[in-house]
């Protein structure tokens, strides 16, 4: 299973709360390149941690609905930010954490 995840800040319009962080991503089950007839199962997700009462639990249940098993190998693609990194460690401490291409290129340019 591969999970791409990232966070971003959104201005709260008409509110004195300022900004809030949205976490969004997509999970995809592994698939074989030679089997073009079957589409991989994928699910998109998004939430605001400060408003959602149990965001980590809901995301875990979403992955379980795709067939996630205990000790199953997961690869996370992200920018390595602290918020998404904490979420990844909660979901699967033994998972592989990979920096996505967009953020690698952006860091090399800077």
N, C-alpha and C. Protein backbone atom coordinates (compact mmCIF):
# COMPACT_ATOMS: atom_id res chain seq x y z
N UNK A 1 0.85 -1.17 0.00
CA UNK A 1 0.00 0.00 0.00
C UNK A 1 0.89 1.23 0.00
N UNK A 2 0.50 2.23 -0.79
CA UNK A 2 1.22 3.49 -0.85
C UNK A 2 0.26 4.61 -0.48
N UNK A 3 0.72 5.51 0.39
CA UNK A 3 -0.10 6.63 0.84
C UNK A 3 0.67 7.92 0.60
N UNK A 4 0.10 8.79 -0.24
CA UNK A 4 0.63 10.12 -0.43
C UNK A 4 -0.11 11.07 0.47
N UNK A 5 0.61 11.89 1.22
CA UNK A 5 -0.04 12.75 2.21
C UNK A 5 0.71 14.07 2.32
N UNK A 6 -0.06 15.14 2.49
CA UNK A 6 0.56 16.46 2.63
C UNK A 6 -0.38 17.36 3.43
N UNK A 7 0.14 18.42 3.94
CA UNK A 7 -0.64 19.38 4.70
C UNK A 7 -0.47 20.77 4.12
N UNK A 8 -1.46 21.59 4.35
CA UNK A 8 -1.38 22.97 3.89
C UNK A 8 -2.25 23.84 4.76
N UNK A 9 -1.91 25.12 4.83
CA UNK A 9 -2.68 26.05 5.66
C UNK A 9 -3.67 26.83 4.80
N UNK A 10 -4.88 26.97 5.33
CA UNK A 10 -5.97 27.65 4.66
C UNK A 10 -6.46 28.78 5.55
N UNK A 11 -6.69 29.94 4.94
CA UNK A 11 -7.20 31.09 5.70
C UNK A 11 -8.66 30.88 6.01
N UNK A 12 -9.02 31.05 7.26
CA UNK A 12 -10.41 30.92 7.70
C UNK A 12 -11.14 32.20 7.34
N UNK A 13 -11.95 32.15 6.32
CA UNK A 13 -12.65 33.33 5.83
C UNK A 13 -13.75 33.77 6.79
N UNK A 14 -13.81 35.05 7.07
CA UNK A 14 -14.85 35.58 7.94
C UNK A 14 -14.74 35.12 9.37
N UNK A 15 -13.56 34.71 9.78
CA UNK A 15 -13.39 34.18 11.13
C UNK A 15 -12.18 34.83 11.77
N UNK A 16 -12.21 34.93 13.07
CA UNK A 16 -11.06 35.49 13.79
C UNK A 16 -10.04 34.41 14.14
N UNK A 17 -10.29 33.17 13.73
CA UNK A 17 -9.38 32.08 14.06
C UNK A 17 -8.13 32.11 13.21
N UNK A 18 -8.10 32.87 12.14
CA UNK A 18 -6.90 32.99 11.32
C UNK A 18 -6.75 31.87 10.31
N UNK A 19 -5.83 30.97 10.57
CA UNK A 19 -5.48 29.89 9.64
C UNK A 19 -5.74 28.54 10.28
N UNK A 20 -5.99 27.53 9.43
CA UNK A 20 -6.09 26.16 9.94
C UNK A 20 -5.40 25.24 8.95
N UNK A 21 -4.90 24.12 9.45
CA UNK A 21 -4.15 23.18 8.61
C UNK A 21 -5.06 22.07 8.10
N UNK A 22 -5.03 21.85 6.80
CA UNK A 22 -5.76 20.76 6.16
C UNK A 22 -4.75 19.68 5.79
N UNK A 23 -5.05 18.44 6.14
CA UNK A 23 -4.24 17.29 5.75
C UNK A 23 -5.03 16.56 4.67
N UNK A 24 -4.38 16.28 3.55
CA UNK A 24 -5.06 15.60 2.45
C UNK A 24 -4.13 14.56 1.84
N UNK A 25 -4.73 13.56 1.22
CA UNK A 25 -3.90 12.54 0.60
C UNK A 25 -4.71 11.52 -0.18
N UNK A 26 -3.99 10.50 -0.62
CA UNK A 26 -4.59 9.42 -1.39
C UNK A 26 -3.85 8.14 -1.07
N UNK A 27 -4.61 7.07 -0.87
CA UNK A 27 -4.01 5.75 -0.61
C UNK A 27 -4.31 4.84 -1.80
N UNK A 28 -3.31 4.09 -2.21
CA UNK A 28 -3.43 3.19 -3.37
C UNK A 28 -2.89 1.82 -2.98
N UNK A 29 -3.67 0.80 -3.28
CA UNK A 29 -3.19 -0.56 -3.08
C UNK A 29 -2.17 -0.89 -4.16
N UNK A 30 -1.29 -1.80 -3.87
CA UNK A 30 -0.30 -2.23 -4.85
C UNK A 30 -1.00 -2.87 -6.04
N UNK A 31 -0.41 -2.69 -7.20
CA UNK A 31 -0.97 -3.28 -8.40
C UNK A 31 0.18 -3.71 -9.30
N UNK A 32 -0.12 -4.61 -10.23
CA UNK A 32 0.90 -5.09 -11.16
C UNK A 32 0.80 -4.32 -12.46
N UNK A 33 1.93 -3.91 -13.00
CA UNK A 33 1.95 -3.16 -14.25
C UNK A 33 1.45 -3.99 -15.42
N UNK A 34 1.65 -5.30 -15.41
CA UNK A 34 1.27 -6.14 -16.53
C UNK A 34 -0.21 -6.50 -16.53
N UNK A 35 -0.92 -6.15 -15.49
CA UNK A 35 -2.35 -6.46 -15.39
C UNK A 35 -3.15 -5.19 -15.61
N UNK A 36 -3.29 -4.78 -16.89
CA UNK A 36 -3.94 -3.52 -17.22
C UNK A 36 -5.46 -3.56 -17.03
N UNK A 37 -6.03 -4.73 -16.97
CA UNK A 37 -7.48 -4.83 -16.87
C UNK A 37 -8.02 -4.47 -15.49
N UNK A 38 -7.22 -4.64 -14.46
CA UNK A 38 -7.72 -4.34 -13.11
C UNK A 38 -7.16 -3.00 -12.63
N UNK A 39 -8.05 -2.11 -12.27
CA UNK A 39 -7.64 -0.80 -11.75
C UNK A 39 -7.32 -0.93 -10.27
N UNK A 40 -6.28 -0.25 -9.80
CA UNK A 40 -5.96 -0.32 -8.37
C UNK A 40 -7.03 0.37 -7.54
N UNK A 41 -7.24 -0.15 -6.35
CA UNK A 41 -8.20 0.46 -5.43
C UNK A 41 -7.54 1.67 -4.80
N UNK A 42 -8.17 2.81 -4.90
CA UNK A 42 -7.61 4.02 -4.29
C UNK A 42 -8.72 4.80 -3.58
N UNK A 43 -8.30 5.54 -2.56
CA UNK A 43 -9.24 6.37 -1.81
C UNK A 43 -8.55 7.69 -1.49
N UNK A 44 -9.30 8.77 -1.63
CA UNK A 44 -8.82 10.09 -1.26
C UNK A 44 -9.36 10.45 0.12
N UNK A 45 -8.62 11.27 0.84
CA UNK A 45 -9.06 11.69 2.16
C UNK A 45 -8.58 13.11 2.44
N UNK A 46 -9.26 13.78 3.34
CA UNK A 46 -8.86 15.11 3.80
C UNK A 46 -9.54 15.37 5.14
N UNK A 47 -8.86 16.11 5.99
CA UNK A 47 -9.44 16.47 7.29
C UNK A 47 -8.67 17.64 7.90
N UNK A 48 -9.29 18.26 8.87
CA UNK A 48 -8.68 19.34 9.65
C UNK A 48 -8.51 18.80 11.06
N UNK A 49 -7.27 18.63 11.50
CA UNK A 49 -7.02 17.99 12.79
C UNK A 49 -7.61 18.76 13.96
N UNK A 50 -7.65 20.07 13.87
CA UNK A 50 -8.16 20.85 15.00
C UNK A 50 -9.67 20.80 15.12
N UNK A 51 -10.37 20.39 14.04
CA UNK A 51 -11.83 20.30 14.08
C UNK A 51 -12.33 18.86 14.19
N UNK A 52 -11.61 17.93 13.62
CA UNK A 52 -12.02 16.53 13.66
C UNK A 52 -11.66 15.95 15.02
N UNK A 53 -12.60 15.25 15.64
CA UNK A 53 -12.35 14.71 16.98
C UNK A 53 -11.37 13.55 16.99
N UNK A 54 -11.39 12.70 15.94
CA UNK A 54 -10.51 11.54 15.89
C UNK A 54 -9.94 11.36 14.48
N UNK A 55 -9.12 12.31 14.02
CA UNK A 55 -8.64 12.23 12.64
C UNK A 55 -7.74 11.02 12.37
N UNK A 56 -6.86 10.71 13.31
CA UNK A 56 -5.94 9.59 13.12
C UNK A 56 -6.71 8.27 13.04
N UNK A 57 -7.69 8.13 13.91
CA UNK A 57 -8.49 6.91 13.94
C UNK A 57 -9.30 6.75 12.66
N UNK A 58 -9.89 7.85 12.18
CA UNK A 58 -10.68 7.78 10.94
C UNK A 58 -9.81 7.41 9.74
N UNK A 59 -8.60 7.96 9.68
CA UNK A 59 -7.70 7.62 8.57
C UNK A 59 -7.26 6.16 8.67
N UNK A 60 -6.98 5.69 9.87
CA UNK A 60 -6.63 4.29 10.07
C UNK A 60 -7.76 3.38 9.60
N UNK A 61 -9.00 3.73 9.93
CA UNK A 61 -10.15 2.93 9.51
C UNK A 61 -10.33 2.97 7.99
N UNK A 62 -10.03 4.09 7.36
CA UNK A 62 -10.10 4.17 5.91
C UNK A 62 -9.10 3.20 5.27
N UNK A 63 -7.88 3.16 5.80
CA UNK A 63 -6.87 2.23 5.27
C UNK A 63 -7.28 0.78 5.53
N UNK A 64 -7.88 0.51 6.68
CA UNK A 64 -8.37 -0.84 6.96
C UNK A 64 -9.47 -1.23 5.98
N UNK A 65 -10.30 -0.28 5.57
CA UNK A 65 -11.36 -0.60 4.61
C UNK A 65 -10.80 -1.00 3.25
N UNK A 66 -9.55 -0.64 2.99
CA UNK A 66 -8.87 -1.05 1.76
C UNK A 66 -8.14 -2.38 1.94
N UNK A 67 -8.20 -2.93 3.13
CA UNK A 67 -7.57 -4.22 3.38
C UNK A 67 -6.27 -4.16 4.14
N UNK A 68 -5.94 -3.02 4.74
CA UNK A 68 -4.72 -2.91 5.52
C UNK A 68 -4.71 -3.93 6.64
N UNK A 69 -3.64 -4.69 6.74
CA UNK A 69 -3.46 -5.68 7.79
C UNK A 69 -2.37 -5.23 8.76
N UNK A 70 -2.42 -5.74 9.97
CA UNK A 70 -1.36 -5.42 10.94
C UNK A 70 -0.03 -5.89 10.37
N UNK A 71 1.00 -5.08 10.57
CA UNK A 71 2.36 -5.35 10.10
C UNK A 71 2.49 -5.40 8.58
N UNK A 72 1.50 -4.86 7.86
CA UNK A 72 1.59 -4.79 6.39
C UNK A 72 2.55 -3.67 6.01
N UNK A 73 3.29 -3.88 4.95
CA UNK A 73 4.23 -2.86 4.48
C UNK A 73 3.47 -1.68 3.86
N UNK A 74 3.79 -0.47 4.30
CA UNK A 74 3.20 0.75 3.76
C UNK A 74 4.33 1.69 3.38
N UNK A 75 4.17 2.37 2.26
CA UNK A 75 5.10 3.43 1.87
C UNK A 75 4.35 4.75 1.94
N UNK A 76 4.93 5.74 2.63
CA UNK A 76 4.34 7.07 2.71
C UNK A 76 5.17 8.02 1.87
N UNK A 77 4.51 8.78 1.02
CA UNK A 77 5.14 9.84 0.24
C UNK A 77 4.66 11.16 0.82
N UNK A 78 5.58 12.02 1.23
CA UNK A 78 5.19 13.30 1.81
C UNK A 78 6.35 14.27 1.74
N UNK A 79 6.11 15.47 2.28
CA UNK A 79 7.15 16.48 2.33
C UNK A 79 8.02 16.34 3.58
N UNK A 80 7.69 15.40 4.43
CA UNK A 80 8.47 15.19 5.65
C UNK A 80 8.15 16.18 6.76
N UNK A 81 7.10 16.98 6.58
CA UNK A 81 6.71 17.95 7.61
C UNK A 81 6.32 17.26 8.91
N UNK A 82 6.47 17.97 10.00
CA UNK A 82 6.24 17.39 11.33
C UNK A 82 4.82 16.85 11.51
N UNK A 83 3.81 17.57 11.05
CA UNK A 83 2.43 17.15 11.25
C UNK A 83 2.14 15.84 10.52
N UNK A 84 2.52 15.77 9.26
CA UNK A 84 2.24 14.54 8.51
C UNK A 84 3.16 13.41 8.96
N UNK A 85 4.35 13.73 9.38
CA UNK A 85 5.29 12.70 9.89
C UNK A 85 4.72 12.05 11.16
N UNK A 86 4.17 12.86 12.06
CA UNK A 86 3.56 12.32 13.28
C UNK A 86 2.39 11.40 12.94
N UNK A 87 1.59 11.80 11.96
CA UNK A 87 0.46 10.99 11.53
C UNK A 87 0.93 9.66 10.95
N UNK A 88 1.97 9.69 10.15
CA UNK A 88 2.52 8.48 9.56
C UNK A 88 3.04 7.53 10.63
N UNK A 89 3.73 8.06 11.61
CA UNK A 89 4.26 7.22 12.69
C UNK A 89 3.14 6.59 13.51
N UNK A 90 2.04 7.31 13.70
CA UNK A 90 0.89 6.76 14.40
C UNK A 90 0.30 5.59 13.62
N UNK A 91 0.14 5.77 12.31
CA UNK A 91 -0.49 4.75 11.48
C UNK A 91 0.35 3.50 11.34
N UNK A 92 1.64 3.68 11.14
CA UNK A 92 2.52 2.54 10.93
C UNK A 92 3.96 2.93 11.23
N UNK A 93 4.42 2.70 12.46
CA UNK A 93 5.77 3.10 12.85
C UNK A 93 6.88 2.46 12.02
N UNK A 94 6.62 1.30 11.46
CA UNK A 94 7.63 0.58 10.70
C UNK A 94 7.59 0.87 9.20
N UNK A 95 6.73 1.78 8.77
CA UNK A 95 6.55 2.07 7.35
C UNK A 95 7.78 2.76 6.76
N UNK A 96 7.88 2.70 5.43
CA UNK A 96 8.92 3.45 4.72
C UNK A 96 8.40 4.86 4.49
N UNK A 97 9.23 5.85 4.77
CA UNK A 97 8.86 7.25 4.59
C UNK A 97 9.74 7.83 3.49
N UNK A 98 9.13 8.22 2.39
CA UNK A 98 9.87 8.72 1.24
C UNK A 98 9.52 10.17 0.97
N UNK A 99 10.52 10.98 0.67
CA UNK A 99 10.30 12.37 0.31
C UNK A 99 9.84 12.40 -1.14
N UNK A 100 8.71 13.06 -1.41
CA UNK A 100 8.18 13.06 -2.78
C UNK A 100 9.04 13.92 -3.71
N UNK A 101 8.92 13.67 -5.00
CA UNK A 101 9.76 14.33 -6.02
C UNK A 101 9.61 15.84 -6.01
N UNK A 102 8.40 16.33 -5.83
CA UNK A 102 8.18 17.77 -5.83
C UNK A 102 9.05 18.44 -4.77
N UNK A 103 9.10 17.88 -3.59
CA UNK A 103 9.86 18.50 -2.51
C UNK A 103 11.36 18.29 -2.66
N UNK A 104 11.77 17.19 -3.29
CA UNK A 104 13.20 16.98 -3.55
C UNK A 104 13.69 18.04 -4.52
N UNK A 105 12.97 18.27 -5.62
CA UNK A 105 13.36 19.25 -6.62
C UNK A 105 13.37 20.65 -6.01
N UNK A 106 12.34 20.97 -5.22
CA UNK A 106 12.24 22.28 -4.61
C UNK A 106 13.42 22.54 -3.67
N UNK A 107 13.88 21.53 -2.94
CA UNK A 107 15.00 21.72 -2.03
C UNK A 107 16.31 21.88 -2.78
N UNK A 108 16.46 21.18 -3.93
CA UNK A 108 17.67 21.31 -4.70
C UNK A 108 17.80 22.68 -5.34
N UNK A 109 16.69 23.30 -5.73
CA UNK A 109 16.69 24.60 -6.35
C UNK A 109 17.02 25.69 -5.34
N UNK A 110 16.54 25.53 -4.12
CA UNK A 110 16.73 26.56 -3.09
C UNK A 110 18.15 26.77 -2.68
